[in-house]
């Protein structure tokens, strides 16, 4: 994640203390010194929507392979011992899991900060209160367009209104909530509308995701926006961040070229911020999947991140997560912690490698078949990254 508001407006939110902590980019197995990684747990693969870009390929049915309550509690105990700073519970749709609130309360009792990634359609007033009572620090609700455009993307008519109602129910009781918006050809033109919605509904946070070529999202790669549109999107996002100031936390996710592009634009528009931002993006170190970020899927398999579920580092039913994480035996897991020498193509010679760290590996593998090849979604020119005549 790139904290646009943090960089441009000097805001300070919880995640910033992890992303921009001293030495964060050099930590090989944790979000900060003395802590484990941020863990994304796909607690279920069941979902009531049919999203076109779903990296988990979720479906509206029961999956018998899910970790049961006892296994989930054992996992939570292990994560607490490892001192993970955040447990992000995702899916599928996590609110379809019957024991979710029991598990949230269990995590709360172990002093684990929990967040929820949801489509929001199941958050009525009672559910919003239950989320807050069980210690959920943040609810991220996906909106991928306005009105029927969102409904088409999510595959269910009326889902936009239900998601918006879920947001309003959280705002009403003071449960921190924000938007998750995955940018693609079908909704790129609604970026301004999303910012209008944020202002009107007094939504305090928004994360703009770049499309990950994973799960059903792999088939959507052809719907990714152009390089020029990526630049224009970042221009809009940066401009709105400056306008909102510290009132709205704005982040981008999934394309670490954003850090470089933001820095290059800052040098032109806000030169007084240049040195501070340069220090912060170097400290952050770019993509930290497999380092400061881990994923556990609904079957208990451990992955570098939620988008890279085709590569398993082990299963928590066989070894504790802490053992898998602290003592990796999988070559890919080992490689990710010292990846710079393994990267190929444009990434291998890029002068910004220390602030990007090779971008998103799942896109490189989806596009080329080689996990260590260049990320095709990097929208920086050869001149901007300081390379010429690269042999492909």
Protein backbone atom coordinates (compact mmCIF):
# COMPACT_ATOMS: atom_id res chain seq x y z
CA UNK A 1 0.00 0.00 0.00
CA UNK A 2 1.13 3.51 -0.80
CA UNK A 3 -0.10 6.14 1.65
CA UNK A 4 -0.91 9.02 -0.70
CA UNK A 5 -2.26 11.17 2.15
CA UNK A 6 0.71 10.28 4.34
CA UNK A 7 3.16 11.36 1.66
CA UNK A 8 1.42 14.51 0.44
CA UNK A 9 -0.28 15.74 3.61
CA UNK A 10 1.89 14.35 6.42
CA UNK A 11 -1.04 12.49 8.00
CA UNK A 12 -0.49 9.75 10.57
CA UNK A 13 -2.71 6.66 10.56
CA UNK A 14 -2.16 3.23 12.11
CA UNK A 15 -0.96 1.57 8.90
CA UNK A 16 1.57 4.35 8.30
CA UNK A 17 3.39 3.32 11.47
CA UNK A 18 3.99 -0.08 9.88
CA UNK A 19 4.60 0.97 6.28
CA UNK A 20 7.02 3.78 7.10
CA UNK A 21 8.65 2.55 10.32
CA UNK A 22 12.43 2.80 10.42
CA UNK A 23 13.91 -0.19 8.58
CA UNK A 24 10.52 -1.42 7.38
CA UNK A 25 11.73 -2.16 3.86
CA UNK A 26 14.62 -4.31 5.07
CA UNK A 27 12.57 -6.52 7.40
CA UNK A 28 12.62 -10.02 5.93
CA UNK A 29 9.75 -11.65 7.85
CA UNK A 30 7.73 -8.95 9.59
CA UNK A 31 5.91 -5.67 9.20
CA UNK A 32 8.23 -4.04 11.73
CA UNK A 33 11.08 -5.06 13.97
CA UNK A 34 9.93 -7.52 16.62
CA UNK A 35 6.59 -8.17 14.91
CA UNK A 36 5.28 -10.76 12.51
CA UNK A 37 3.76 -9.97 9.12
CA UNK A 38 0.38 -8.48 8.41
CA UNK A 39 -1.76 -11.56 7.73
CA UNK A 40 -4.65 -11.71 5.28
CA UNK A 41 -6.84 -14.70 6.13
CA UNK A 42 -9.44 -15.81 3.60
CA UNK A 43 -11.69 -17.29 6.26
CA UNK A 44 -14.18 -18.64 3.70
CA UNK A 45 -14.52 -19.07 -0.03
CA UNK A 46 -18.29 -18.62 0.07
CA UNK A 47 -19.68 -15.39 -1.34
CA UNK A 48 -23.10 -14.01 -2.18
CA UNK A 49 -21.83 -12.00 -5.18
CA UNK A 50 -20.23 -12.97 -8.51
CA UNK A 51 -17.44 -10.43 -8.91
CA UNK A 52 -15.70 -10.46 -12.28
CA UNK A 53 -12.24 -9.79 -10.82
CA UNK A 54 -12.34 -12.13 -7.77
CA UNK A 55 -8.80 -13.35 -7.08
CA UNK A 56 -10.18 -16.17 -4.88
CA UNK A 57 -12.68 -17.42 -7.48
CA UNK A 58 -15.34 -17.51 -4.72
CA UNK A 59 -18.78 -19.05 -5.19
CA UNK A 60 -22.15 -19.00 -3.46
CA UNK A 61 -21.89 -22.42 -1.85
CA UNK A 62 -20.48 -24.08 1.26
CA UNK A 63 -16.88 -25.28 1.10
CA UNK A 64 -16.22 -28.23 3.39
CA UNK A 65 -12.44 -27.68 3.36
CA UNK A 66 -12.66 -24.50 5.45
CA UNK A 67 -10.74 -24.33 8.71
CA UNK A 68 -13.20 -25.11 11.50
CA UNK A 69 -13.63 -23.00 14.64
CA UNK A 70 -11.09 -24.96 16.65
CA UNK A 71 -8.47 -24.73 13.90
CA UNK A 72 -9.16 -21.01 13.46
CA UNK A 73 -8.71 -20.34 17.18
CA UNK A 74 -5.46 -22.28 17.19
CA UNK A 75 -4.31 -20.09 14.28
CA UNK A 76 -5.25 -16.92 16.18
CA UNK A 77 -3.26 -18.07 19.21
CA UNK A 78 -0.25 -18.70 16.98
CA UNK A 79 -0.56 -15.29 15.32
CA UNK A 80 -0.72 -13.63 18.73
CA UNK A 81 2.47 -15.41 19.80
CA UNK A 82 4.14 -14.25 16.58
CA UNK A 83 2.99 -10.67 17.35
CA UNK A 84 1.29 -10.04 14.03
CA UNK A 85 0.23 -6.36 14.00
CA UNK A 86 -2.95 -6.86 11.94
CA UNK A 87 -5.21 -9.75 10.97
CA UNK A 88 -7.19 -8.80 7.86
CA UNK A 89 -10.13 -11.19 7.51
CA UNK A 90 -11.34 -11.60 3.95
CA UNK A 91 -13.06 -14.18 1.78
CA UNK A 92 -15.13 -14.87 -0.19
CA UNK A 93 -17.49 -12.89 1.95
CA UNK A 94 -16.39 -13.23 5.60
CA UNK A 95 -19.86 -12.36 6.94
CA UNK A 96 -21.12 -15.63 5.48
CA UNK A 97 -19.02 -17.51 8.04
CA UNK A 98 -21.29 -18.45 10.94
CA UNK A 99 -18.65 -18.24 13.68
CA UNK A 100 -17.11 -14.96 12.47
CA UNK A 101 -18.07 -12.87 15.51
CA UNK A 102 -16.89 -15.61 17.87
CA UNK A 103 -13.51 -15.55 16.12
CA UNK A 104 -13.34 -11.75 16.09
CA UNK A 105 -13.94 -11.72 19.83
CA UNK A 106 -11.28 -14.41 20.26
CA UNK A 107 -8.77 -12.27 18.36
CA UNK A 108 -9.77 -9.25 20.45
CA UNK A 109 -9.06 -11.19 23.64
CA UNK A 110 -5.59 -11.99 22.29
CA UNK A 111 -5.00 -8.28 21.55
CA UNK A 112 -4.86 -8.80 17.80
CA UNK A 113 -5.99 -5.83 15.73
CA UNK A 114 -8.56 -7.17 13.26
CA UNK A 115 -9.95 -5.65 10.08
CA UNK A 116 -12.59 -6.93 7.67
CA UNK A 117 -12.65 -6.89 3.88
CA UNK A 118 -16.26 -7.30 2.75
CA UNK A 119 -18.69 -6.47 -0.04
CA UNK A 120 -20.85 -4.76 2.59
CA UNK A 121 -24.18 -6.15 1.41
CA UNK A 122 -24.78 -8.06 4.65
CA UNK A 123 -24.00 -5.19 7.04
CA UNK A 124 -27.32 -4.17 8.53
CA UNK A 125 -27.50 -1.97 11.64
CA UNK A 126 -27.18 -4.92 14.02
CA UNK A 127 -24.19 -6.35 12.16
CA UNK A 128 -22.43 -2.97 12.15
CA UNK A 129 -22.83 -2.80 15.95
CA UNK A 130 -21.57 -6.37 16.35
CA UNK A 131 -18.45 -5.58 14.30
CA UNK A 132 -17.68 -2.63 16.55
CA UNK A 133 -18.43 -4.54 19.77
CA UNK A 134 -16.07 -7.33 18.72
CA UNK A 135 -13.15 -4.97 18.23
CA UNK A 136 -12.97 -4.60 14.45
CA UNK A 137 -10.72 -1.60 13.87
CA UNK A 138 -11.64 -1.08 10.23
CA UNK A 139 -14.21 -2.32 7.71
CA UNK A 140 -13.17 -2.12 4.05
CA UNK A 141 -16.18 -2.26 1.71
CA UNK A 142 -15.72 -2.83 -2.01
CA UNK A 143 -17.36 -0.43 -4.44
CA UNK A 144 -16.28 -0.77 -8.05
CA UNK A 145 -18.42 1.88 -9.65
CA UNK A 146 -21.59 3.86 -9.06
CA UNK A 147 -25.06 2.32 -9.31
CA UNK A 148 -25.63 -0.20 -12.10
CA UNK A 149 -21.97 -0.05 -13.12
CA UNK A 150 -21.03 -1.55 -9.75
CA UNK A 151 -23.85 -4.10 -10.04
CA UNK A 152 -22.57 -5.30 -13.43
CA UNK A 153 -19.06 -5.67 -12.07
CA UNK A 154 -20.29 -7.52 -8.99
CA UNK A 155 -22.74 -9.71 -10.89
CA UNK A 156 -25.81 -9.05 -8.70
CA UNK A 157 -28.49 -6.39 -9.30
CA UNK A 158 -28.99 -4.14 -6.29
CA UNK A 159 -25.59 -4.83 -4.74
CA UNK A 160 -24.53 -1.16 -4.96
CA UNK A 161 -27.45 0.03 -2.83
CA UNK A 162 -26.86 -2.73 -0.27
CA UNK A 163 -23.12 -1.96 -0.07
CA UNK A 164 -23.81 1.75 0.34
CA UNK A 165 -26.30 0.96 3.09
CA UNK A 166 -23.60 -1.10 4.80
CA UNK A 167 -21.24 1.88 4.66
CA UNK A 168 -23.89 4.19 6.09
CA UNK A 169 -24.67 1.77 8.91
CA UNK A 170 -21.00 1.75 9.91
CA UNK A 171 -20.64 5.53 9.68
CA UNK A 172 -23.77 6.03 11.77
CA UNK A 173 -22.35 4.21 14.81
CA UNK A 174 -18.75 5.37 14.48
CA UNK A 175 -17.36 2.10 13.11
CA UNK A 176 -14.38 3.13 10.96
CA UNK A 177 -15.15 2.21 7.37
CA UNK A 178 -13.70 2.86 3.93
CA UNK A 179 -13.98 2.05 0.25
CA UNK A 180 -12.00 -0.43 -1.83
CA UNK A 181 -12.10 0.42 -5.54
CA UNK A 182 -10.38 -1.74 -8.18
CA UNK A 183 -9.57 0.44 -11.20
CA UNK A 184 -10.33 -1.05 -14.63
CA UNK A 185 -11.71 -0.02 -18.02
CA UNK A 186 -15.33 -0.31 -16.92
CA UNK A 187 -15.06 2.12 -13.99
CA UNK A 188 -12.05 4.35 -14.72
CA UNK A 189 -14.38 7.12 -15.88
CA UNK A 190 -16.13 7.14 -12.47
CA UNK A 191 -13.14 8.13 -10.35
CA UNK A 192 -14.50 11.65 -9.91
CA UNK A 193 -17.90 10.23 -8.94
CA UNK A 194 -16.26 8.07 -6.26
CA UNK A 195 -14.61 11.12 -4.73
CA UNK A 196 -17.95 12.94 -4.79
CA UNK A 197 -19.51 9.96 -2.96
CA UNK A 198 -16.73 10.02 -0.37
CA UNK A 199 -17.38 13.70 0.32
CA UNK A 200 -21.17 13.39 0.47
CA UNK A 201 -21.18 10.28 2.68
CA UNK A 202 -18.30 11.49 4.89
CA UNK A 203 -16.29 8.30 4.27
CA UNK A 204 -12.88 8.61 5.98
CA UNK A 205 -10.78 6.22 3.88
CA UNK A 206 -10.41 4.87 0.33
CA UNK A 207 -8.00 2.36 -1.21
CA UNK A 208 -7.60 2.34 -4.98
CA UNK A 209 -6.50 -1.10 -6.16
CA UNK A 210 -4.70 -1.80 -9.41
CA UNK A 211 -5.99 -4.91 -11.16
CA UNK A 212 -4.19 -8.11 -10.09
CA UNK A 213 -4.08 -10.85 -12.74
CA UNK A 214 -5.20 -13.60 -10.39
CA UNK A 215 -8.20 -15.91 -10.10
CA UNK A 216 -11.04 -14.52 -12.21
CA UNK A 217 -8.98 -11.33 -12.39
CA UNK A 218 -6.53 -13.15 -14.67
CA UNK A 219 -9.19 -13.36 -17.35
CA UNK A 220 -9.77 -9.63 -16.83
CA UNK A 221 -6.18 -8.64 -17.66
CA UNK A 222 -7.40 -7.36 -21.03
CA UNK A 223 -9.61 -4.92 -19.10
CA UNK A 224 -6.70 -3.27 -17.35
CA UNK A 225 -6.39 0.44 -18.14
CA UNK A 226 -3.63 1.84 -20.36
CA UNK A 227 -0.36 3.24 -19.06
CA UNK A 228 -1.53 6.76 -19.85
CA UNK A 229 -4.78 6.17 -17.95
CA UNK A 230 -2.80 4.90 -14.95
CA UNK A 231 -0.89 8.18 -14.92
CA UNK A 232 -4.10 10.18 -15.25
CA UNK A 233 -5.70 8.16 -12.44
CA UNK A 234 -2.77 8.91 -10.15
CA UNK A 235 -2.95 12.59 -11.06
CA UNK A 236 -6.63 12.65 -10.03
CA UNK A 237 -5.96 10.71 -6.83
CA UNK A 238 -3.05 12.94 -5.80
CA UNK A 239 -5.01 16.09 -6.55
CA UNK A 240 -7.96 14.93 -4.44
CA UNK A 241 -5.65 13.89 -1.62
CA UNK A 242 -4.29 17.44 -1.44
CA UNK A 243 -7.84 18.86 -1.53
CA UNK A 244 -9.15 16.56 1.21
CA UNK A 245 -6.02 16.95 3.31
CA UNK A 246 -5.95 14.83 6.45
CA UNK A 247 -9.74 14.42 6.54
CA UNK A 248 -9.70 11.41 4.19
CA UNK A 249 -6.99 8.76 4.13
CA UNK A 250 -6.23 7.86 0.50
CA UNK A 251 -4.06 4.93 -0.55
CA UNK A 252 -3.21 3.00 -3.71
CA UNK A 253 -2.58 -0.73 -3.72
CA UNK A 254 -0.99 -3.24 -6.07
CA UNK A 255 1.31 -1.18 -8.30
CA UNK A 256 4.51 0.09 -6.71
CA UNK A 257 5.32 2.19 -9.76
CA UNK A 258 2.89 4.60 -8.07
CA UNK A 259 5.58 5.54 -5.53
CA UNK A 260 8.00 6.50 -8.27
CA UNK A 261 5.40 8.37 -10.31
CA UNK A 262 4.24 10.29 -7.24
CA UNK A 263 7.85 11.23 -6.41
CA UNK A 264 8.52 12.43 -9.97
CA UNK A 265 5.35 14.55 -9.92
CA UNK A 266 6.16 15.96 -6.49
CA UNK A 267 9.54 17.16 -7.76
CA UNK A 268 7.65 19.28 -10.31
CA UNK A 269 4.61 20.40 -8.30
CA UNK A 270 5.60 20.32 -4.63
CA UNK A 271 9.42 20.49 -4.52
CA UNK A 272 9.40 21.37 -0.81
CA UNK A 273 8.08 17.82 -0.11
CA UNK A 274 10.67 16.05 -2.27
CA UNK A 275 13.27 15.10 0.33
CA UNK A 276 10.74 13.97 2.93
CA UNK A 277 8.87 11.80 0.43
CA UNK A 278 12.07 10.32 -0.92
CA UNK A 279 13.07 9.25 2.59
CA UNK A 280 9.66 7.70 3.23
CA UNK A 281 9.41 5.66 0.02
CA UNK A 282 12.96 4.37 0.51
CA UNK A 283 12.10 3.39 4.08
CA UNK A 284 9.00 1.57 2.89
CA UNK A 285 10.92 -0.40 0.26
CA UNK A 286 8.05 -1.23 -2.10
CA UNK A 287 6.42 -4.64 -2.47
CA UNK A 288 6.85 -6.76 0.66
CA UNK A 289 4.73 -9.79 -0.18
CA UNK A 290 6.33 -12.78 1.51
CA UNK A 291 8.20 -10.41 3.82
CA UNK A 292 5.83 -8.11 5.74
CA UNK A 293 2.66 -9.57 4.21
CA UNK A 294 1.34 -13.12 4.27
CA UNK A 295 -1.86 -14.86 3.23
CA UNK A 296 -3.63 -17.92 4.58
CA UNK A 297 -6.41 -19.29 2.41
CA UNK A 298 -9.61 -20.98 3.57
CA UNK A 299 -7.96 -24.41 3.39
CA UNK A 300 -5.01 -23.34 5.55
CA UNK A 301 -2.41 -22.95 2.80
CA UNK A 302 0.14 -20.18 3.35
CA UNK A 303 1.00 -17.80 0.49
CA UNK A 304 3.08 -14.69 -0.12
CA UNK A 305 -0.08 -12.58 -0.49
CA UNK A 306 -3.76 -13.02 -1.27
CA UNK A 307 -3.18 -12.77 -5.03
CA UNK A 308 -0.52 -15.49 -5.25
CA UNK A 309 -2.56 -18.49 -4.16
CA UNK A 310 -1.14 -20.73 -6.87
CA UNK A 311 2.05 -21.06 -4.77
CA UNK A 312 1.81 -22.61 -1.31
CA UNK A 313 4.56 -22.42 1.31
CA UNK A 314 2.91 -25.06 3.50
CA UNK A 315 -0.33 -25.75 5.36
CA UNK A 316 -1.12 -24.76 8.93
CA UNK A 317 -2.85 -28.10 9.47
CA UNK A 318 0.58 -29.68 9.13
CA UNK A 319 2.90 -27.00 10.54
CA UNK A 320 2.13 -23.91 12.59
CA UNK A 321 2.03 -20.71 10.57
CA UNK A 322 4.83 -19.28 12.72
CA UNK A 323 7.07 -22.24 11.83
CA UNK A 324 6.30 -21.97 8.12
CA UNK A 325 6.97 -18.23 8.21
CA UNK A 326 10.09 -18.14 10.37
CA UNK A 327 11.71 -21.21 8.78
CA UNK A 328 10.72 -21.20 5.11
CA UNK A 329 11.70 -24.25 3.08
CA UNK A 330 9.89 -23.32 -0.13
CA UNK A 331 12.36 -21.87 -2.69
CA UNK A 332 9.88 -19.18 -3.71
CA UNK A 333 9.39 -18.09 -0.12
CA UNK A 334 13.14 -17.85 0.35
CA UNK A 335 13.56 -16.02 -2.95
CA UNK A 336 10.99 -13.35 -2.15
CA UNK A 337 13.01 -12.22 0.87
CA UNK A 338 16.07 -11.58 -1.31
CA UNK A 339 14.39 -11.07 -4.65
CA UNK A 340 16.43 -8.32 -6.27
CA UNK A 341 19.05 -10.65 -7.74
CA UNK A 342 16.33 -12.92 -9.13
CA UNK A 343 14.39 -10.28 -11.03
CA UNK A 344 14.62 -10.16 -14.82
CA UNK A 345 13.91 -7.78 -17.70
CA UNK A 346 13.16 -4.13 -16.96
CA UNK A 347 12.85 -4.79 -13.23
CA UNK A 348 16.42 -6.11 -12.96
CA UNK A 349 17.96 -2.87 -14.24
CA UNK A 350 15.49 -0.30 -12.91
CA UNK A 351 17.09 2.49 -10.91
CA UNK A 352 14.04 2.62 -8.62
CA UNK A 353 14.27 -1.01 -7.51
CA UNK A 354 14.89 -0.03 -3.88
CA UNK A 355 11.55 1.81 -3.72
CA UNK A 356 9.52 -0.68 -5.78
CA UNK A 357 11.10 -4.09 -5.11
CA UNK A 358 9.86 -5.65 -8.33
CA UNK A 359 6.18 -4.68 -8.14
CA UNK A 360 3.52 -7.44 -8.22
CA UNK A 361 4.95 -10.86 -9.05
CA UNK A 362 1.59 -12.48 -9.83
CA UNK A 363 1.12 -10.19 -12.85
CA UNK A 364 4.57 -11.03 -14.16
CA UNK A 365 3.86 -14.75 -13.93
CA UNK A 366 0.37 -14.43 -15.44
CA UNK A 367 1.69 -12.47 -18.43
CA UNK A 368 4.98 -14.30 -19.10
CA UNK A 369 4.89 -17.62 -17.26
CA UNK A 370 8.00 -16.55 -15.30
CA UNK A 371 7.51 -15.50 -11.67
CA UNK A 372 10.66 -13.35 -11.72
CA UNK A 373 10.06 -11.54 -15.00
CA UNK A 374 9.06 -7.88 -15.29
CA UNK A 375 5.63 -6.77 -14.15
CA UNK A 376 3.80 -5.79 -17.38
CA UNK A 377 1.73 -3.23 -15.50
CA UNK A 378 4.67 -0.93 -14.78
CA UNK A 379 3.70 2.26 -16.60
CA UNK A 380 7.04 4.07 -16.21
CA UNK A 381 9.04 4.65 -19.40
CA UNK A 382 12.50 3.21 -20.01
CA UNK A 383 13.86 6.73 -19.74
CA UNK A 384 12.16 7.29 -16.39
CA UNK A 385 13.61 4.11 -14.92
CA UNK A 386 17.04 4.70 -16.42
CA UNK A 387 17.36 1.78 -18.83
CA UNK A 388 17.95 1.59 -22.56
CA UNK A 389 18.10 -1.23 -25.09
CA UNK A 390 17.13 -3.98 -22.68
CA UNK A 391 17.35 -7.40 -24.33
CA UNK A 392 13.96 -9.10 -24.03
